[in-house]
C-alpha atoms as a PDB file:
ATOM      1  CA  MET A   1      28.582 -21.769  19.741  1.00  0.00           C
ATOM      2  CA  LEU A   2      30.198 -18.584  21.327  1.00  0.00           C
ATOM      3  CA  SER A   3      30.564 -18.660  25.025  1.00  0.00           C
ATOM      4  CA  THR A   4      31.546 -16.696  27.642  1.00  0.00           C
ATOM      5  CA  ASN A   5      34.383 -18.586  28.089  1.00  0.00           C
ATOM      6  CA  GLY A   6      36.524 -18.062  24.882  1.00  0.00           C
ATOM      7  CA  SER A   7      38.895 -20.914  25.978  1.00  0.00           C
ATOM      8  CA  ALA A   8      36.519 -23.592  26.467  1.00  0.00           C
ATOM      9  CA  THR A   9      34.810 -22.800  22.712  1.00  0.00           C
ATOM     10  CA  ASP A  10      38.523 -22.461  21.288  1.00  0.00           C
ATOM     11  CA  SER A  11      38.725 -25.909  22.628  1.00  0.00           C
ATOM     12  CA  GLY A  12      35.525 -27.552  21.501  1.00  0.00           C
ATOM     13  CA  VAL A  13      36.386 -25.812  17.954  1.00  0.00           C
ATOM     14  CA  LEU A  14      39.782 -27.832  17.994  1.00  0.00           C
ATOM     15  CA  THR A  15      37.972 -30.796  18.829  1.00  0.00           C
ATOM     16  CA  GLN A  16      35.954 -30.832  16.294  1.00  0.00           C
ATOM     17  CA  LEU A  17      38.090 -29.764  13.768  1.00  0.00           C
ATOM     18  CA  ARG A  18      40.404 -32.486  14.577  1.00  0.00           C
ATOM     19  CA  ALA A  19      37.302 -35.099  14.484  1.00  0.00           C
ATOM     20  CA  PHE A  20      36.665 -33.716  10.789  1.00  0.00           C
ATOM     21  CA  LEU A  21      39.937 -34.314   9.572  1.00  0.00           C
ATOM     22  CA  ALA A  22      39.858 -37.909  11.137  1.00  0.00           C
ATOM     23  CA  GLN A  23      36.556 -38.951   9.436  1.00  0.00           C
ATOM     24  CA  THR A  24      36.552 -37.095   6.326  1.00  0.00           C
ATOM     25  CA  ARG A  25      37.638 -38.117   2.742  1.00  0.00           C
ATOM     26  CA  LEU A  26      39.893 -35.357   1.425  1.00  0.00           C
ATOM     27  CA  PRO A  27      41.110 -34.986  -1.902  1.00  0.00           C
ATOM     28  CA  ASP A  28      44.247 -36.503  -2.615  1.00  0.00           C
ATOM     29  CA  ASP A  29      46.530 -33.568  -2.682  1.00  0.00           C
ATOM     30  CA  GLY A  30      44.859 -33.443   1.059  1.00  0.00           C
ATOM     31  CA  ARG A  31      43.647 -29.812   0.659  1.00  0.00           C
ATOM     32  CA  LEU A  32      40.540 -28.991   3.019  1.00  0.00           C
ATOM     33  CA  PRO A  33      37.506 -27.375   2.012  1.00  0.00           C
ATOM     34  CA  PRO A  34      37.592 -23.494   1.421  1.00  0.00           C
ATOM     35  CA  GLU A  35      36.925 -21.574   5.239  1.00  0.00           C
ATOM     36  CA  ARG A  36      33.421 -20.594   4.640  1.00  0.00           C
ATOM     37  CA  GLU A  37      32.267 -23.727   3.201  1.00  0.00           C
ATOM     38  CA  LEU A  38      34.172 -25.848   6.554  1.00  0.00           C
ATOM     39  CA  ALA A  39      33.097 -23.077   9.128  1.00  0.00           C
ATOM     40  CA  GLY A  40      29.253 -24.071   8.043  1.00  0.00           C
ATOM     41  CA  THR A  41      29.829 -28.133   7.966  1.00  0.00           C
ATOM     42  CA  LEU A  42      31.070 -27.509  11.755  1.00  0.00           C
ATOM     43  CA  GLY A  43      28.791 -24.842  12.826  1.00  0.00           C
ATOM     44  CA  VAL A  44      31.284 -22.480  13.903  1.00  0.00           C
ATOM     45  CA  SER A  45      32.267 -18.723  12.716  1.00  0.00           C
ATOM     46  CA  ARG A  46      34.883 -18.413  11.031  1.00  0.00           C
ATOM     47  CA  ALA A  47      36.660 -16.826  13.366  1.00  0.00           C
ATOM     48  CA  GLU A  48      36.566 -19.653  15.744  1.00  0.00           C
ATOM     49  CA  LEU A  49      37.639 -21.615  12.968  1.00  0.00           C
ATOM     50  CA  ARG A  50      40.959 -19.941  11.921  1.00  0.00           C
ATOM     51  CA  LYS A  51      41.506 -20.001  15.620  1.00  0.00           C
ATOM     52  CA  ALA A  52      41.788 -23.935  15.557  1.00  0.00           C
ATOM     53  CA  LEU A  53      43.679 -23.505  11.946  1.00  0.00           C
ATOM     54  CA  ASP A  54      46.086 -21.677  13.723  1.00  0.00           C
ATOM     55  CA  VAL A  55      47.265 -24.256  16.727  1.00  0.00           C
ATOM     56  CA  LEU A  56      46.664 -27.374  13.777  1.00  0.00           C
ATOM     57  CA  GLU A  57      49.614 -25.467  11.713  1.00  0.00           C
ATOM     58  CA  ALA A  58      51.778 -24.222  14.870  1.00  0.00           C
ATOM     59  CA  GLU A  59      52.135 -27.886  15.685  1.00  0.00           C
ATOM     60  CA  GLY A  60      52.822 -29.095  12.016  1.00  0.00           C
ATOM     61  CA  GLU A  61      49.481 -30.370  11.374  1.00  0.00           C
ATOM     62  CA  LEU A  62      48.618 -28.836   8.722  1.00  0.00           C
ATOM     63  CA  TRP A  63      50.109 -26.038   6.273  1.00  0.00           C
ATOM     64  CA  ARG A  64      48.666 -22.894   3.992  1.00  0.00           C
ATOM     65  CA  HIS A  65      49.281 -21.862   1.028  1.00  0.00           C
ATOM     66  CA  VAL A  66      48.199 -18.513  -0.121  1.00  0.00           C
ATOM     67  CA  GLY A  67      45.937 -18.690  -3.376  1.00  0.00           C
ATOM     68  CA  LYS A  68      46.053 -22.435  -2.967  1.00  0.00           C
ATOM     69  CA  GLY A  69      44.541 -23.100  -0.028  1.00  0.00           C
ATOM     70  CA  THR A  70      45.186 -25.261   3.252  1.00  0.00           C
ATOM     71  CA  PHE A  71      46.489 -28.645   3.517  1.00  0.00           C
ATOM     72  CA  ILE A  72      46.848 -31.466   6.168  1.00  0.00           C
ATOM     73  CA  GLY A  73      50.781 -32.498   7.193  1.00  0.00           C
ATOM     74  CA  GLY A  74      53.337 -30.382   7.366  1.00  0.00           C
ATOM     75  CA  ARG A  75      54.490 -27.962   5.128  1.00  0.00           C
ATOM     76  CA  PRO A  76      56.870 -29.849   2.369  1.00  0.00           C
ATOM     77  CA  LEU A  77      60.313 -28.519   1.669  1.00  0.00           C
ATOM     78  CA  ASP A  78      60.240 -25.642  -0.997  1.00  0.00           C
ATOM     79  CA  THR A  79      62.173 -27.586  -3.278  1.00  0.00           C
ATOM     80  CA  PHE A  80      59.760 -30.383  -3.846  1.00  0.00           C
ATOM     81  CA  ALA A  81      56.558 -27.989  -3.424  1.00  0.00           C
ATOM     82  CA  ASP A  82      54.926 -28.825  -6.523  1.00  0.00           C
ATOM     83  CA  ILE A  83      53.910 -32.279  -5.175  1.00  0.00           C
ATOM     84  CA  GLY A  84      51.408 -33.146  -7.946  1.00  0.00           C
ATOM     85  CA  ALA A  85      54.291 -32.886 -10.318  1.00  0.00           C
ATOM     86  CA  LEU A  86      56.755 -34.769  -8.075  1.00  0.00           C
ATOM     87  CA  ALA A  87      53.916 -37.509  -7.837  1.00  0.00           C
ATOM     88  CA  ARG A  88      53.393 -37.724 -11.547  1.00  0.00           C
ATOM     89  CA  ARG A  89      56.360 -38.446 -11.924  1.00  0.00           C
ATOM     90  CA  SER A  90      56.866 -41.164  -9.650  1.00  0.00           C
ATOM     91  CA  ASN A  91      54.676 -44.471  -8.985  1.00  0.00           C
ATOM     92  CA  PRO A  92      53.489 -46.761  -6.187  1.00  0.00           C
ATOM     93  CA  ALA A  93      56.958 -48.813  -6.195  1.00  0.00           C
ATOM     94  CA  GLU A  94      59.072 -45.789  -6.223  1.00  0.00           C
ATOM     95  CA  VAL A  95      57.318 -44.819  -3.275  1.00  0.00           C
ATOM     96  CA  MET A  96      57.335 -47.802  -1.588  1.00  0.00           C
ATOM     97  CA  ARG A  97      60.922 -47.806  -2.129  1.00  0.00           C
ATOM     98  CA  ALA A  98      61.542 -44.113  -0.372  1.00  0.00           C
ATOM     99  CA  ARG A  99      59.717 -44.825   1.982  1.00  0.00           C
ATOM    100  CA  LEU A 100      62.007 -47.766   2.916  1.00  0.00           C
ATOM    101  CA  ALA A 101      64.833 -45.993   3.042  1.00  0.00           C
ATOM    102  CA  ILE A 102      63.702 -42.794   4.760  1.00  0.00           C
ATOM    103  CA  GLU A 103      61.067 -44.429   7.822  1.00  0.00           C
ATOM    104  CA  PRO A 104      63.222 -47.080   9.120  1.00  0.00           C
ATOM    105  CA  GLU A 105      66.231 -44.357  10.223  1.00  0.00           C
ATOM    106  CA  LEU A 106      63.002 -42.162  11.849  1.00  0.00           C
ATOM    107  CA  ALA A 107      62.414 -44.617  13.720  1.00  0.00           C
ATOM    108  CA  ARG A 108      65.969 -45.576  15.062  1.00  0.00           C
ATOM    109  CA  SER A 109      66.145 -41.635  15.630  1.00  0.00           C
ATOM    110  CA  ALA A 110      62.978 -41.947  17.535  1.00  0.00           C
ATOM    111  CA  ALA A 111      64.033 -44.571  20.049  1.00  0.00           C
ATOM    112  CA  PHE A 112      67.120 -42.332  20.882  1.00  0.00           C
ATOM    113  CA  MET A 113      65.028 -38.672  21.118  1.00  0.00           C
ATOM    114  CA  ALA A 114      61.506 -39.554  21.955  1.00  0.00           C
ATOM    115  CA  SER A 115      59.705 -38.091  24.745  1.00  0.00           C
ATOM    116  CA  PRO A 116      57.159 -39.603  27.098  1.00  0.00           C
ATOM    117  CA  ASP A 117      54.592 -37.176  25.772  1.00  0.00           C
ATOM    118  CA  ASP A 118      55.900 -38.431  21.946  1.00  0.00           C
ATOM    119  CA  ILE A 119      55.555 -41.918  23.410  1.00  0.00           C
ATOM    120  CA  SER A 120      51.577 -41.148  24.881  1.00  0.00           C
ATOM    121  CA  GLU A 121      50.585 -39.675  21.559  1.00  0.00           C
ATOM    122  CA  MET A 122      51.827 -42.516  19.398  1.00  0.00           C
ATOM    123  CA  ARG A 123      49.993 -45.110  21.794  1.00  0.00           C
ATOM    124  CA  PHE A 124      46.983 -42.545  21.527  1.00  0.00           C
ATOM    125  CA  CYS A 125      47.204 -43.115  17.881  1.00  0.00           C
ATOM    126  CA  LEU A 126      47.222 -46.882  18.166  1.00  0.00           C
ATOM    127  CA  ALA A 127      44.443 -46.942  20.586  1.00  0.00           C
ATOM    128  CA  ARG A 128      42.186 -44.946  18.278  1.00  0.00           C
ATOM    129  CA  SER A 129      43.584 -46.953  14.739  1.00  0.00           C
ATOM    130  CA  ARG A 130      41.735 -50.010  16.434  1.00  0.00           C
ATOM    131  CA  GLN A 131      38.852 -48.514  17.035  1.00  0.00           C
ATOM    132  CA  ALA A 132      38.719 -46.488  13.625  1.00  0.00           C
ATOM    133  CA  GLU A 133      35.044 -47.835  12.062  1.00  0.00           C
ATOM    134  CA  THR A 134      36.091 -47.353   8.427  1.00  0.00           C
ATOM    135  CA  TRP A 135      39.169 -47.453   6.637  1.00  0.00           C
ATOM    136  CA  ARG A 136      38.852 -44.173   6.018  1.00  0.00           C
ATOM    137  CA  GLN A 137      39.308 -43.477   9.715  1.00  0.00           C
ATOM    138  CA  TYR A 138      42.275 -46.246  10.350  1.00  0.00           C
ATOM    139  CA  GLU A 139      44.271 -44.288   7.504  1.00  0.00           C
ATOM    140  CA  GLY A 140      44.019 -41.106   9.024  1.00  0.00           C
ATOM    141  CA  TRP A 141      45.307 -42.889  12.407  1.00  0.00           C
ATOM    142  CA  ASP A 142      47.443 -44.600  10.521  1.00  0.00           C
ATOM    143  CA  ALA A 143      48.954 -41.171   9.149  1.00  0.00           C
ATOM    144  CA  ARG A 144      49.322 -39.816  11.953  1.00  0.00           C
ATOM    145  CA  LEU A 145      51.238 -42.372  14.138  1.00  0.00           C
ATOM    146  CA  HIS A 146      53.600 -42.711  11.322  1.00  0.00           C
ATOM    147  CA  ARG A 147      54.141 -38.875  11.312  1.00  0.00           C
ATOM    148  CA  THR A 148      54.220 -38.869  15.322  1.00  0.00           C
ATOM    149  CA  ILE A 149      57.377 -41.413  14.997  1.00  0.00           C
ATOM    150  CA  ALA A 150      58.949 -38.563  12.390  1.00  0.00           C
ATOM    151  CA  GLU A 151      58.109 -35.883  14.850  1.00  0.00           C
ATOM    152  CA  ALA A 152      59.690 -37.425  17.713  1.00  0.00           C
ATOM    153  CA  THR A 153      63.430 -37.634  16.391  1.00  0.00           C
ATOM    154  CA  HIS A 154      63.075 -33.735  17.455  1.00  0.00           C
ATOM    155  CA  ASN A 155      64.783 -33.040  13.891  1.00  0.00           C
ATOM    156  CA  SER A 156      62.873 -30.404  11.929  1.00  0.00           C
ATOM    157  CA  LEU A 157      65.152 -31.572   8.983  1.00  0.00           C
ATOM    158  CA  LEU A 158      63.571 -35.025   9.482  1.00  0.00           C
ATOM    159  CA  VAL A 159      60.226 -34.089   9.800  1.00  0.00           C
ATOM    160  CA  GLY A 160      60.005 -32.103   6.632  1.00  0.00           C
ATOM    161  CA  LEU A 161      61.625 -34.780   4.216  1.00  0.00           C
ATOM    162  CA  PHE A 162      58.922 -36.948   5.974  1.00  0.00           C
ATOM    163  CA  ASP A 163      56.073 -34.203   5.234  1.00  0.00           C
ATOM    164  CA  THR A 164      57.543 -34.106   1.803  1.00  0.00           C
ATOM    165  CA  LEU A 165      57.832 -38.093   1.012  1.00  0.00           C
ATOM    166  CA  ASN A 166      53.493 -38.744   2.575  1.00  0.00           C
ATOM    167  CA  ALA A 167      52.479 -35.784   0.460  1.00  0.00           C
ATOM    168  CA  VAL A 168      53.900 -37.489  -2.842  1.00  0.00           C
ATOM    169  CA  ARG A 169      52.683 -40.973  -1.081  1.00  0.00           C
ATOM    170  CA  ARG A 170      49.009 -38.965  -0.801  1.00  0.00           C
ATOM    171  CA  ALA A 171      49.075 -37.813  -4.389  1.00  0.00           C
ATOM    172  CA  VAL A 172      50.587 -40.494  -6.218  1.00  0.00           C
ATOM    173  CA  THR A 173      47.394 -42.951  -7.982  1.00  0.00           C
ATOM    174  CA  TRP A 174      47.072 -46.189  -6.795  1.00  0.00           C
ATOM    175  CA  GLY A 175      44.263 -47.446  -7.565  1.00  0.00           C
ATOM    176  CA  ARG A 176      40.914 -48.498  -5.821  1.00  0.00           C
ATOM    177  CA  LEU A 177      42.982 -50.357  -2.567  1.00  0.00           C
ATOM    178  CA  ARG A 178      40.063 -51.165  -0.300  1.00  0.00           C
ATOM    179  CA  ALA A 179      36.779 -52.847  -1.134  1.00  0.00           C
ATOM    180  CA  ASN A 180      35.462 -54.980   1.429  1.00  0.00           C
ATOM    181  CA  PRO A 181      35.127 -55.132   4.636  1.00  0.00           C
ATOM    182  CA  VAL A 182      34.586 -51.391   5.495  1.00  0.00           C
ATOM    183  CA  ARG A 183      37.034 -51.561   7.956  1.00  0.00           C
ATOM    184  CA  PRO A 184      40.565 -53.472   9.169  1.00  0.00           C
ATOM    185  CA  ALA A 185      40.025 -56.637  10.394  1.00  0.00           C
ATOM    186  CA  PRO A 186      40.635 -56.981  14.516  1.00  0.00           C
ATOM    187  CA  ASP A 187      43.902 -59.070  13.300  1.00  0.00           C
ATOM    188  CA  HIS A 188      44.766 -56.634  10.833  1.00  0.00           C
ATOM    189  CA  HIS A 189      48.703 -56.863  10.201  1.00  0.00           C
ATOM    190  CA  SER A 190      49.077 -53.480  10.935  1.00  0.00           C
ATOM    191  CA  PHE A 191      47.905 -53.613  14.604  1.00  0.00           C
ATOM    192  CA  ALA A 192      51.048 -55.653  16.025  1.00  0.00           C
ATOM    193  CA  GLU A 193      53.560 -54.613  13.717  1.00  0.00           C
ATOM    194  CA  HIS A 194      52.755 -50.837  14.764  1.00  0.00           C
ATOM    195  CA  GLU A 195      52.557 -51.721  18.833  1.00  0.00           C
ATOM    196  CA  ARG A 196      56.476 -53.509  18.196  1.00  0.00           C
ATOM    197  CA  ILE A 197      57.331 -50.284  16.891  1.00  0.00           C
ATOM    198  CA  VAL A 198      55.813 -48.254  19.282  1.00  0.00           C
ATOM    199  CA  SER A 199      57.162 -50.589  22.253  1.00  0.00           C
ATOM    200  CA  LEU A 200      60.802 -50.827  20.854  1.00  0.00           C
ATOM    201  CA  ILE A 201      60.887 -47.042  20.569  1.00  0.00           C
ATOM    202  CA  GLU A 202      59.766 -46.798  24.076  1.00  0.00           C
ATOM    203  CA  GLU A 203      62.644 -49.520  25.213  1.00  0.00           C
ATOM    204  CA  ARG A 204      64.904 -47.272  23.577  1.00  0.00           C
ATOM    205  CA  ASP A 205      65.776 -50.106  21.436  1.00  0.00           C
ATOM    206  CA  MET A 206      67.467 -47.873  18.204  1.00  0.00           C
ATOM    207  CA  ALA A 207      68.182 -51.307  15.921  1.00  0.00           C
ATOM    208  CA  GLY A 208      65.095 -53.272  16.636  1.00  0.00           C
ATOM    209  CA  ALA A 209      63.005 -49.726  16.206  1.00  0.00           C
ATOM    210  CA  ALA A 210      64.460 -49.346  12.723  1.00  0.00           C
ATOM    211  CA  GLU A 211      64.247 -53.246  11.850  1.00  0.00           C
ATOM    212  CA  ALA A 212      60.472 -53.281  13.054  1.00  0.00           C
ATOM    213  CA  MET A 213      59.696 -50.294  10.522  1.00  0.00           C
ATOM    214  CA  ARG A 214      61.464 -51.779   8.424  1.00  0.00           C
ATOM    215  CA  GLY A 215      59.448 -54.930   8.056  1.00  0.00           C
ATOM    216  CA  HIS A 216      56.451 -53.504   8.594  1.00  0.00           C
ATOM    217  CA  LEU A 217      56.681 -51.370   5.365  1.00  0.00           C
ATOM    218  CA  SER A 218      57.456 -54.664   3.526  1.00  0.00           C
ATOM    219  CA  THR A 219      54.733 -56.406   4.834  1.00  0.00           C
ATOM    220  CA  VAL A 220      52.627 -53.196   3.273  1.00  0.00           C
ATOM    221  CA  GLU A 221      54.853 -52.615  -0.072  1.00  0.00           C
ATOM    222  CA  ARG A 222      54.156 -56.381  -0.826  1.00  0.00           C
ATOM    223  CA  LYS A 223      50.309 -56.144   0.014  1.00  0.00           C
ATOM    224  CA  LEU A 224      49.965 -52.394  -1.788  1.00  0.00           C
ATOM    225  CA  LEU A 225      51.890 -53.649  -4.704  1.00  0.00           C
ATOM    226  CA  ALA A 226      50.306 -56.937  -5.289  1.00  0.00           C
ATOM    227  CA  HIS A 227      47.011 -55.197  -5.332  1.00  0.00           C
ATOM    228  CA  HIS A 228      47.718 -52.325  -7.862  1.00  0.00           C
ATOM    229  CA  ASP A 229      49.441 -55.242 -10.189  1.00  0.00           C
ATOM    230  CA  ARG A 230      46.185 -56.507 -10.150  1.00  0.00           C
ATOM    231  CA  VAL A 231      43.884 -53.365 -11.024  1.00  0.00           C
ATOM    232  CA  ALA A 232      46.576 -52.431 -13.646  1.00  0.00           C
ATOM    233  CA  GLY A 233      46.325 -55.675 -15.365  1.00  0.00           C
END
């Protein structure tokens, strides 16, 4: 992995790390493996790995907590730093109600503020989610799309609220939601719903984007909670 061209090597390690995060099943709290273990898995040095982690942290893709580890997503608000405790006081129904209260407004703001680069990233996520070979890969790209929409608001407080909600969502126990098939069907409802949300954001249709996000999350809520009730029952 060593190279006389440091920037090319760093770029390669970053690509490897992104692929690992998109395809690997992480613990519910989103914690990455320890640096030594992760470097060994990727076949890179710890110094190279740290540079790649620094880039993703600067981009808001992960955050570090001294003594606890490195976690996927943006750093939660300090008020809700103990995500595990907050998740234990919550449940899937509360999580979905919170998403319905917040994410349509993020889509509305994104329709006003999104840059061409934001739209390009959203469309990249759409394409990769359709190419996913497993539910885990699909869910990784789905999460990245929703966070990209939050980032497109260009409002750090809104992104922080989204990251906190998302961290709780990951930590709440949902039961076993996926069985067969091993990947989303080509006509999976989210594909068309995500496409509509992104198109309306690109068209600067604020009300339409908010309503499309609300409709999408309502479908997710109905399907997930129905499944959760069957598992719990």
